[in-house]
Amino acid sequence: MSEESGSLNPDAVGEKISAISDGSQVISAGRAIGTRVSEFVQESYCYRWLTKEPDPDIIVIDLRETYTVGPFITLLDTLIPHIEDAWNQSRVESAASRVFERLSEEVFDPLAETRGYELAISVLAPPEPPERERTVADDPEPDEDEPS
């Protein structure tokens, strides 16, 4: 298959960016700072608490039934439909919708067709997740009824 002229090859873009960034002191310093911040965050108590495996004996609390958060949630549940109706019927909403539509047609749509946009998409796209290796702990225990 032949590539269309003007389209970007993500591998070629990555190689060009690597060639430019390899000798940059600013990028090297940024990477060092990023690595240091990442280590600091991953060693923090909050990060470990948020990312630890859940305890099988966890008790789930419905916040709607608590004395502190429950009334606030009830108030929000009561007010949000009225606020939504008022917003949908307001002049501000119709003006904001027109401004967004005009920006979308005149700014964002033409911008999405530029090479800079395509380059940004290829650079900012997340990497493919690595294949996870199965361990013995991941395998379910075989049933006695099933043949091996």
C-alpha atoms as a PDB file:
ATOM      1  CA  MET A   1       0.000   0.000   0.000  1.00  0.00           C
ATOM      2  CA  SER A   2       1.244   3.457  -0.762  1.00  0.00           C
ATOM      3  CA  GLU A   3       0.954   6.311   1.672  1.00  0.00           C
ATOM      4  CA  GLU A   4      -0.940   9.406   0.674  1.00  0.00           C
ATOM      5  CA  SER A   5       1.263  12.385   0.076  1.00  0.00           C
ATOM      6  CA  GLY A   6       1.137  14.766   2.997  1.00  0.00           C
ATOM      7  CA  SER A   7       0.246  12.124   5.573  1.00  0.00           C
ATOM      8  CA  LEU A   8       2.532  11.652   8.520  1.00  0.00           C
ATOM      9  CA  ASN A   9       4.223   8.387   9.310  1.00  0.00           C
ATOM     10  CA  PRO A  10       4.192   8.086  13.136  1.00  0.00           C
ATOM     11  CA  ASP A  11       7.490   6.150  13.133  1.00  0.00           C
ATOM     12  CA  ALA A  12       9.241   8.809  11.068  1.00  0.00           C
ATOM     13  CA  VAL A  13       7.865  11.554  13.300  1.00  0.00           C
ATOM     14  CA  GLY A  14       9.058   9.705  16.400  1.00  0.00           C
ATOM     15  CA  GLU A  15      12.541   9.287  14.911  1.00  0.00           C
ATOM     16  CA  LYS A  16      12.733  13.003  14.047  1.00  0.00           C
ATOM     17  CA  ILE A  17      11.628  14.007  17.524  1.00  0.00           C
ATOM     18  CA  SER A  18      14.146  11.601  19.090  1.00  0.00           C
ATOM     19  CA  ALA A  19      16.940  12.990  16.930  1.00  0.00           C
ATOM     20  CA  ILE A  20      16.095  16.552  17.938  1.00  0.00           C
ATOM     21  CA  SER A  21      15.543  15.819  21.621  1.00  0.00           C
ATOM     22  CA  ASP A  22      18.561  13.562  22.267  1.00  0.00           C
ATOM     23  CA  GLY A  23      21.051  16.431  22.546  1.00  0.00           C
ATOM     24  CA  SER A  24      18.772  18.962  24.233  1.00  0.00           C
ATOM     25  CA  GLN A  25      19.791  19.978  27.735  1.00  0.00           C
ATOM     26  CA  VAL A  26      16.329  21.388  28.398  1.00  0.00           C
ATOM     27  CA  ILE A  27      14.653  18.099  27.521  1.00  0.00           C
ATOM     28  CA  SER A  28      17.240  16.136  29.512  1.00  0.00           C
ATOM     29  CA  ALA A  29      16.612  18.372  32.532  1.00  0.00           C
ATOM     30  CA  GLY A  30      12.845  18.006  32.031  1.00  0.00           C
ATOM     31  CA  ARG A  31      13.155  14.230  31.888  1.00  0.00           C
ATOM     32  CA  ALA A  32      15.298  14.196  35.048  1.00  0.00           C
ATOM     33  CA  ILE A  33      12.781  16.384  36.870  1.00  0.00           C
ATOM     34  CA  GLY A  34       9.905  14.237  35.600  1.00  0.00           C
ATOM     35  CA  THR A  35      11.633  11.069  36.773  1.00  0.00           C
ATOM     36  CA  ARG A  36      12.316  12.577  40.187  1.00  0.00           C
ATOM     37  CA  VAL A  37       8.736  13.825  40.592  1.00  0.00           C
ATOM     38  CA  SER A  38       7.413  10.436  39.480  1.00  0.00           C
ATOM     39  CA  GLU A  39       9.573   8.650  42.070  1.00  0.00           C
ATOM     40  CA  PHE A  40       8.451  11.102  44.750  1.00  0.00           C
ATOM     41  CA  VAL A  41       4.764  10.630  43.916  1.00  0.00           C
ATOM     42  CA  GLN A  42       4.986   6.845  43.678  1.00  0.00           C
ATOM     43  CA  GLU A  43       6.684   6.649  47.069  1.00  0.00           C
ATOM     44  CA  SER A  44       4.058   8.849  48.743  1.00  0.00           C
ATOM     45  CA  TYR A  45       1.549   7.450  51.186  1.00  0.00           C
ATOM     46  CA  CYS A  46      -1.442   8.786  49.207  1.00  0.00           C
ATOM     47  CA  TYR A  47      -0.320   7.159  45.953  1.00  0.00           C
ATOM     48  CA  ARG A  48       0.264   3.817  47.649  1.00  0.00           C
ATOM     49  CA  TRP A  49      -3.092   4.087  49.436  1.00  0.00           C
ATOM     50  CA  LEU A  50      -4.948   4.904  46.200  1.00  0.00           C
ATOM     51  CA  THR A  51      -3.281   2.169  44.144  1.00  0.00           C
ATOM     52  CA  LYS A  52      -3.178  -0.724  46.595  1.00  0.00           C
ATOM     53  CA  GLU A  53      -5.249  -3.793  45.960  1.00  0.00           C
ATOM     54  CA  PRO A  54      -8.660  -3.651  47.597  1.00  0.00           C
ATOM     55  CA  ASP A  55      -9.207  -5.551  50.794  1.00  0.00           C
ATOM     56  CA  PRO A  56     -11.810  -8.285  50.315  1.00  0.00           C
ATOM     57  CA  ASP A  57     -13.412  -7.336  53.651  1.00  0.00           C
ATOM     58  CA  ILE A  58     -14.181  -3.761  52.612  1.00  0.00           C
ATOM     59  CA  ILE A  59     -17.441  -2.305  53.821  1.00  0.00           C
ATOM     60  CA  VAL A  60     -19.284  -0.108  51.327  1.00  0.00           C
ATOM     61  CA  ILE A  61     -20.996   2.940  52.819  1.00  0.00           C
ATOM     62  CA  ASP A  62     -23.806   4.656  50.947  1.00  0.00           C
ATOM     63  CA  LEU A  63     -23.060   8.345  51.444  1.00  0.00           C
ATOM     64  CA  ARG A  64     -26.728   9.200  50.884  1.00  0.00           C
ATOM     65  CA  GLU A  65     -27.478   7.578  54.238  1.00  0.00           C
ATOM     66  CA  THR A  66     -24.859   9.530  56.229  1.00  0.00           C
ATOM     67  CA  TYR A  67     -25.681  12.591  58.330  1.00  0.00           C
ATOM     68  CA  THR A  68     -22.861  14.709  56.926  1.00  0.00           C
ATOM     69  CA  VAL A  69     -23.000  14.093  53.167  1.00  0.00           C
ATOM     70  CA  GLY A  70     -26.554  12.772  52.769  1.00  0.00           C
ATOM     71  CA  PRO A  71     -28.382  16.121  53.078  1.00  0.00           C
ATOM     72  CA  PHE A  72     -25.979  17.748  50.611  1.00  0.00           C
ATOM     73  CA  ILE A  73     -26.568  14.982  48.044  1.00  0.00           C
ATOM     74  CA  THR A  74     -30.339  15.242  48.583  1.00  0.00           C
ATOM     75  CA  LEU A  75     -30.150  19.012  48.036  1.00  0.00           C
ATOM     76  CA  LEU A  76     -28.159  18.531  44.819  1.00  0.00           C
ATOM     77  CA  ASP A  77     -30.595  15.872  43.584  1.00  0.00           C
ATOM     78  CA  THR A  78     -33.441  18.338  44.183  1.00  0.00           C
ATOM     79  CA  LEU A  79     -31.796  21.422  42.649  1.00  0.00           C
ATOM     80  CA  ILE A  80     -30.000  20.016  39.581  1.00  0.00           C
ATOM     81  CA  PRO A  81     -33.143  19.334  37.464  1.00  0.00           C
ATOM     82  CA  HIS A  82     -34.365  22.912  38.104  1.00  0.00           C
ATOM     83  CA  ILE A  83     -30.962  24.404  37.299  1.00  0.00           C
ATOM     84  CA  GLU A  84     -30.765  22.307  34.138  1.00  0.00           C
ATOM     85  CA  ASP A  85     -34.221  23.483  33.000  1.00  0.00           C
ATOM     86  CA  ALA A  86     -33.303  27.113  33.706  1.00  0.00           C
ATOM     87  CA  TRP A  87     -30.032  26.731  31.792  1.00  0.00           C
ATOM     88  CA  ASN A  88     -31.704  25.128  28.777  1.00  0.00           C
ATOM     89  CA  GLN A  89     -34.233  28.010  28.598  1.00  0.00           C
ATOM     90  CA  SER A  90     -31.736  30.824  29.226  1.00  0.00           C
ATOM     91  CA  ARG A  91     -30.319  33.282  26.740  1.00  0.00           C
ATOM     92  CA  VAL A  92     -26.832  32.572  28.063  1.00  0.00           C
ATOM     93  CA  GLU A  93     -27.109  28.923  26.991  1.00  0.00           C
ATOM     94  CA  SER A  94     -28.290  29.814  23.498  1.00  0.00           C
ATOM     95  CA  ALA A  95     -25.507  32.418  23.129  1.00  0.00           C
ATOM     96  CA  ALA A  96     -22.903  29.976  24.433  1.00  0.00           C
ATOM     97  CA  SER A  97     -24.150  27.316  22.003  1.00  0.00           C
ATOM     98  CA  ARG A  98     -23.897  29.718  19.056  1.00  0.00           C
ATOM     99  CA  VAL A  99     -20.387  30.801  20.072  1.00  0.00           C
ATOM    100  CA  PHE A 100     -19.265  27.187  20.430  1.00  0.00           C
ATOM    101  CA  GLU A 101     -20.755  26.219  17.051  1.00  0.00           C
ATOM    102  CA  ARG A 102     -19.051  29.162  15.354  1.00  0.00           C
ATOM    103  CA  LEU A 103     -15.709  28.400  17.038  1.00  0.00           C
ATOM    104  CA  SER A 104     -16.055  24.777  16.042  1.00  0.00           C
ATOM    105  CA  GLU A 105     -16.773  25.586  12.396  1.00  0.00           C
ATOM    106  CA  GLU A 106     -14.297  28.439  11.929  1.00  0.00           C
ATOM    107  CA  VAL A 107     -11.418  27.499  14.244  1.00  0.00           C
ATOM    108  CA  PHE A 108     -11.413  23.909  15.441  1.00  0.00           C
ATOM    109  CA  ASP A 109     -12.439  22.139  12.219  1.00  0.00           C
ATOM    110  CA  PRO A 110      -9.772  23.853  10.030  1.00  0.00           C
ATOM    111  CA  LEU A 111      -7.201  23.385  12.804  1.00  0.00           C
ATOM    112  CA  ALA A 112      -7.881  19.640  12.853  1.00  0.00           C
ATOM    113  CA  GLU A 113      -6.739  19.402   9.227  1.00  0.00           C
ATOM    114  CA  THR A 114      -3.265  20.864   9.791  1.00  0.00           C
ATOM    115  CA  ARG A 115      -0.024  18.935   9.996  1.00  0.00           C
ATOM    116  CA  GLY A 116       0.684  20.420  13.405  1.00  0.00           C
ATOM    117  CA  TYR A 117      -2.519  18.861  14.696  1.00  0.00           C
ATOM    118  CA  GLU A 118      -1.580  15.487  13.220  1.00  0.00           C
ATOM    119  CA  LEU A 119       1.893  15.783  14.760  1.00  0.00           C
ATOM    120  CA  ALA A 120       0.396  16.651  18.148  1.00  0.00           C
ATOM    121  CA  ILE A 121      -1.937  13.644  17.923  1.00  0.00           C
ATOM    122  CA  SER A 122       0.928  11.281  17.079  1.00  0.00           C
ATOM    123  CA  VAL A 123       3.132  12.674  19.868  1.00  0.00           C
ATOM    124  CA  LEU A 124       0.423  12.783  22.531  1.00  0.00           C
ATOM    125  CA  ALA A 125      -1.187   9.424  21.734  1.00  0.00           C
ATOM    126  CA  PRO A 126      -0.766   7.018  24.649  1.00  0.00           C
ATOM    127  CA  PRO A 127       1.474   4.005  24.082  1.00  0.00           C
ATOM    128  CA  GLU A 128       0.015   0.584  23.644  1.00  0.00           C
ATOM    129  CA  PRO A 129      -0.312  -1.219  26.986  1.00  0.00           C
ATOM    130  CA  PRO A 130       2.319  -3.906  27.538  1.00  0.00           C
ATOM    131  CA  GLU A 131       1.293  -7.510  27.379  1.00  0.00           C
ATOM    132  CA  ARG A 132       0.759  -8.782  30.895  1.00  0.00           C
ATOM    133  CA  GLU A 133       2.582 -11.979  31.693  1.00  0.00           C
ATOM    134  CA  ARG A 134       0.471 -14.611  33.372  1.00  0.00           C
ATOM    135  CA  THR A 135       1.748 -15.957  36.614  1.00  0.00           C
ATOM    136  CA  VAL A 136       0.766 -19.019  38.559  1.00  0.00           C
ATOM    137  CA  ALA A 137      -1.140 -16.773  40.983  1.00  0.00           C
ATOM    138  CA  ASP A 138      -3.277 -15.449  38.092  1.00  0.00           C
ATOM    139  CA  ASP A 139      -4.366 -18.905  36.982  1.00  0.00           C
ATOM    140  CA  PRO A 140      -7.575 -20.106  38.591  1.00  0.00           C
ATOM    141  CA  GLU A 141      -7.279 -23.370  40.435  1.00  0.00           C
ATOM    142  CA  PRO A 142      -8.405 -26.241  38.212  1.00  0.00           C
ATOM    143  CA  ASP A 143     -11.579 -28.019  39.207  1.00  0.00           C
ATOM    144  CA  GLU A 144     -11.330 -31.666  40.101  1.00  0.00           C
ATOM    145  CA  ASP A 145     -14.082 -32.443  37.585  1.00  0.00           C
ATOM    146  CA  GLU A 146     -12.165 -30.978  34.643  1.00  0.00           C
ATOM    147  CA  PRO A 147      -9.543 -33.116  32.906  1.00  0.00           C
ATOM    148  CA  SER A 148      -6.042 -31.607  32.800  1.00  0.00           C
END
